[in-house]
Amino acid sequence: MQHITAALALGLILLPNTAAAQCRMAVAGANCVTVPPSARTYVPPPGPVEIGDILERGEYSMLMNSRYYGLPAVSDGWVYMRIEDEIYRVDWRTHEVLEKVTDQANNRW
């Protein structure tokens, strides 16, 4: 019984209290400054795309080292974009999906 009581007491000591957990930064002369939670909501990762889809700007990663993955060099205004575990050729101006090229990548992908 003493082991359970000691473990419970230690657990309570190690757990931060609610007020301390709410405090994000301490300011000299003040008790605590709380930071409100972010107004942004969770956005699930992008789903599969189809040829001809227009991608949202800033939502996807551009693949910079295409030669490492055995893909032809970027040219004529298109780039490679990584969407989930796939590689797509995308028009840079319009962000239109031109082609899925994952199967053209080498075994490093």
C-alpha atoms as a PDB file:
ATOM      1  CA  MET A   1       0.000   0.000   0.000  1.00  0.00           C
ATOM      2  CA  GLN A   2       2.880   2.349   0.785  1.00  0.00           C
ATOM      3  CA  HIS A   3       4.340   1.766  -2.704  1.00  0.00           C
ATOM      4  CA  ILE A   4       1.042   2.784  -4.323  1.00  0.00           C
ATOM      5  CA  THR A   5       0.750   5.899  -2.143  1.00  0.00           C
ATOM      6  CA  ALA A   6       4.366   6.889  -2.843  1.00  0.00           C
ATOM      7  CA  ALA A   7       3.923   6.362  -6.597  1.00  0.00           C
ATOM      8  CA  LEU A   8       0.701   8.402  -6.592  1.00  0.00           C
ATOM      9  CA  ALA A   9       2.349  11.228  -4.619  1.00  0.00           C
ATOM     10  CA  LEU A  10       5.327  11.251  -7.005  1.00  0.00           C
ATOM     11  CA  GLY A  11       2.981  11.308  -9.991  1.00  0.00           C
ATOM     12  CA  LEU A  12       1.097  14.275  -8.588  1.00  0.00           C
ATOM     13  CA  ILE A  13       4.329  16.152  -7.965  1.00  0.00           C
ATOM     14  CA  LEU A  14       5.564  15.566 -11.504  1.00  0.00           C
ATOM     15  CA  LEU A  15       2.309  16.580 -13.190  1.00  0.00           C
ATOM     16  CA  PRO A  16       2.134  20.292 -13.939  1.00  0.00           C
ATOM     17  CA  ASN A  17      -0.868  22.057 -12.533  1.00  0.00           C
ATOM     18  CA  THR A  18      -3.427  23.494 -14.934  1.00  0.00           C
ATOM     19  CA  ALA A  19      -2.413  27.107 -14.380  1.00  0.00           C
ATOM     20  CA  ALA A  20       1.236  26.338 -15.105  1.00  0.00           C
ATOM     21  CA  ALA A  21       0.312  24.379 -18.196  1.00  0.00           C
ATOM     22  CA  GLN A  22      -1.731  27.330 -19.466  1.00  0.00           C
ATOM     23  CA  CYS A  23       1.139  29.738 -18.970  1.00  0.00           C
ATOM     24  CA  ARG A  24       3.324  29.965 -22.059  1.00  0.00           C
ATOM     25  CA  MET A  25       5.757  32.624 -20.910  1.00  0.00           C
ATOM     26  CA  ALA A  26       6.525  34.444 -17.718  1.00  0.00           C
ATOM     27  CA  VAL A  27       6.953  38.205 -17.696  1.00  0.00           C
ATOM     28  CA  ALA A  28       8.956  40.021 -15.037  1.00  0.00           C
ATOM     29  CA  GLY A  29       6.581  41.533 -12.511  1.00  0.00           C
ATOM     30  CA  ALA A  30       3.561  39.577 -13.748  1.00  0.00           C
ATOM     31  CA  ASN A  31       2.244  36.202 -12.772  1.00  0.00           C
ATOM     32  CA  CYS A  32       1.666  34.783 -16.203  1.00  0.00           C
ATOM     33  CA  VAL A  33       0.900  35.802 -19.749  1.00  0.00           C
ATOM     34  CA  THR A  34      -1.371  33.355 -21.508  1.00  0.00           C
ATOM     35  CA  VAL A  35      -1.262  32.838 -25.220  1.00  0.00           C
ATOM     36  CA  PRO A  36      -4.641  32.160 -26.826  1.00  0.00           C
ATOM     37  CA  PRO A  37      -4.943  28.971 -28.850  1.00  0.00           C
ATOM     38  CA  SER A  38      -4.394  29.283 -32.561  1.00  0.00           C
ATOM     39  CA  ALA A  39      -7.372  30.343 -34.657  1.00  0.00           C
ATOM     40  CA  ARG A  40      -6.306  27.954 -37.404  1.00  0.00           C
ATOM     41  CA  THR A  41      -8.172  24.694 -37.719  1.00  0.00           C
ATOM     42  CA  TYR A  42      -6.753  21.322 -38.681  1.00  0.00           C
ATOM     43  CA  VAL A  43      -6.586  20.782 -42.419  1.00  0.00           C
ATOM     44  CA  PRO A  44      -6.205  17.144 -43.438  1.00  0.00           C
ATOM     45  CA  PRO A  45      -3.352  16.298 -45.780  1.00  0.00           C
ATOM     46  CA  PRO A  46      -4.114  16.651 -49.465  1.00  0.00           C
ATOM     47  CA  GLY A  47      -5.845  13.754 -51.115  1.00  0.00           C
ATOM     48  CA  PRO A  48      -5.107  12.125 -54.438  1.00  0.00           C
ATOM     49  CA  VAL A  49      -5.175  14.379 -57.460  1.00  0.00           C
ATOM     50  CA  GLU A  50      -6.199  13.759 -61.035  1.00  0.00           C
ATOM     51  CA  ILE A  51      -4.618  14.885 -64.300  1.00  0.00           C
ATOM     52  CA  GLY A  52      -6.021  18.329 -65.098  1.00  0.00           C
ATOM     53  CA  ASP A  53      -6.658  19.329 -61.458  1.00  0.00           C
ATOM     54  CA  ILE A  54      -5.513  22.804 -60.425  1.00  0.00           C
ATOM     55  CA  LEU A  55      -3.420  22.669 -57.246  1.00  0.00           C
ATOM     56  CA  GLU A  56      -3.769  25.175 -54.417  1.00  0.00           C
ATOM     57  CA  ARG A  57      -0.652  27.361 -54.298  1.00  0.00           C
ATOM     58  CA  GLY A  58       1.553  26.835 -51.263  1.00  0.00           C
ATOM     59  CA  GLU A  59      -0.049  23.535 -50.254  1.00  0.00           C
ATOM     60  CA  TYR A  60       2.364  21.123 -51.941  1.00  0.00           C
ATOM     61  CA  SER A  61       6.127  20.554 -51.979  1.00  0.00           C
ATOM     62  CA  MET A  62       8.167  21.068 -55.114  1.00  0.00           C
ATOM     63  CA  LEU A  63      10.686  18.301 -55.792  1.00  0.00           C
ATOM     64  CA  MET A  64      14.031  20.046 -56.194  1.00  0.00           C
ATOM     65  CA  ASN A  65      16.448  17.163 -56.810  1.00  0.00           C
ATOM     66  CA  SER A  66      14.776  15.421 -59.740  1.00  0.00           C
ATOM     67  CA  ARG A  67      18.011  14.038 -61.227  1.00  0.00           C
ATOM     68  CA  TYR A  68      18.729  12.206 -57.969  1.00  0.00           C
ATOM     69  CA  TYR A  69      15.452  10.339 -58.475  1.00  0.00           C
ATOM     70  CA  GLY A  70      16.225   9.595 -62.133  1.00  0.00           C
ATOM     71  CA  LEU A  71      13.674  12.037 -63.546  1.00  0.00           C
ATOM     72  CA  PRO A  72      14.324  14.292 -66.560  1.00  0.00           C
ATOM     73  CA  ALA A  73      15.372  17.866 -65.836  1.00  0.00           C
ATOM     74  CA  VAL A  74      12.627  20.439 -65.374  1.00  0.00           C
ATOM     75  CA  SER A  75      11.959  22.603 -68.442  1.00  0.00           C
ATOM     76  CA  ASP A  76       9.366  24.581 -70.409  1.00  0.00           C
ATOM     77  CA  GLY A  77       7.604  26.037 -67.355  1.00  0.00           C
ATOM     78  CA  TRP A  78       6.701  22.838 -65.523  1.00  0.00           C
ATOM     79  CA  VAL A  79       8.002  21.449 -62.227  1.00  0.00           C
ATOM     80  CA  TYR A  80       7.748  18.263 -60.189  1.00  0.00           C
ATOM     81  CA  MET A  81       5.484  18.355 -57.146  1.00  0.00           C
ATOM     82  CA  ARG A  82       5.316  15.781 -54.372  1.00  0.00           C
ATOM     83  CA  ILE A  83       1.768  15.015 -53.282  1.00  0.00           C
ATOM     84  CA  GLU A  84       1.604  12.392 -50.540  1.00  0.00           C
ATOM     85  CA  ASP A  85       3.899   9.601 -51.795  1.00  0.00           C
ATOM     86  CA  GLU A  86       3.508  10.410 -55.487  1.00  0.00           C
ATOM     87  CA  ILE A  87       5.367  12.674 -57.947  1.00  0.00           C
ATOM     88  CA  TYR A  88       3.453  14.780 -60.461  1.00  0.00           C
ATOM     89  CA  ARG A  89       4.555  17.027 -63.318  1.00  0.00           C
ATOM     90  CA  VAL A  90       2.792  20.374 -62.811  1.00  0.00           C
ATOM     91  CA  ASP A  91       2.585  23.564 -64.890  1.00  0.00           C
ATOM     92  CA  TRP A  92       4.269  26.247 -62.760  1.00  0.00           C
ATOM     93  CA  ARG A  93       2.108  29.187 -63.958  1.00  0.00           C
ATOM     94  CA  THR A  94      -1.305  27.574 -63.617  1.00  0.00           C
ATOM     95  CA  HIS A  95      -0.500  24.753 -61.147  1.00  0.00           C
ATOM     96  CA  GLU A  96      -2.372  22.345 -63.400  1.00  0.00           C
ATOM     97  CA  VAL A  97      -1.442  18.679 -62.939  1.00  0.00           C
ATOM     98  CA  LEU A  98      -0.010  17.474 -66.246  1.00  0.00           C
ATOM     99  CA  GLU A  99       1.121  13.922 -65.532  1.00  0.00           C
ATOM    100  CA  LYS A 100       1.795  11.415 -62.765  1.00  0.00           C
ATOM    101  CA  VAL A 101       5.476  10.439 -63.021  1.00  0.00           C
ATOM    102  CA  THR A 102       6.108   8.348 -59.911  1.00  0.00           C
ATOM    103  CA  ASP A 103       6.628   5.223 -62.034  1.00  0.00           C
ATOM    104  CA  GLN A 104       9.428   7.022 -63.945  1.00  0.00           C
ATOM    105  CA  ALA A 105      11.459   7.589 -60.760  1.00  0.00           C
ATOM    106  CA  ASN A 106      14.298   5.248 -59.881  1.00  0.00           C
ATOM    107  CA  ASN A 107      14.570   3.035 -56.789  1.00  0.00           C
ATOM    108  CA  ARG A 108      15.759   5.961 -54.640  1.00  0.00           C
ATOM    109  CA  TRP A 109      12.181   7.181 -54.483  1.00  0.00           C
END
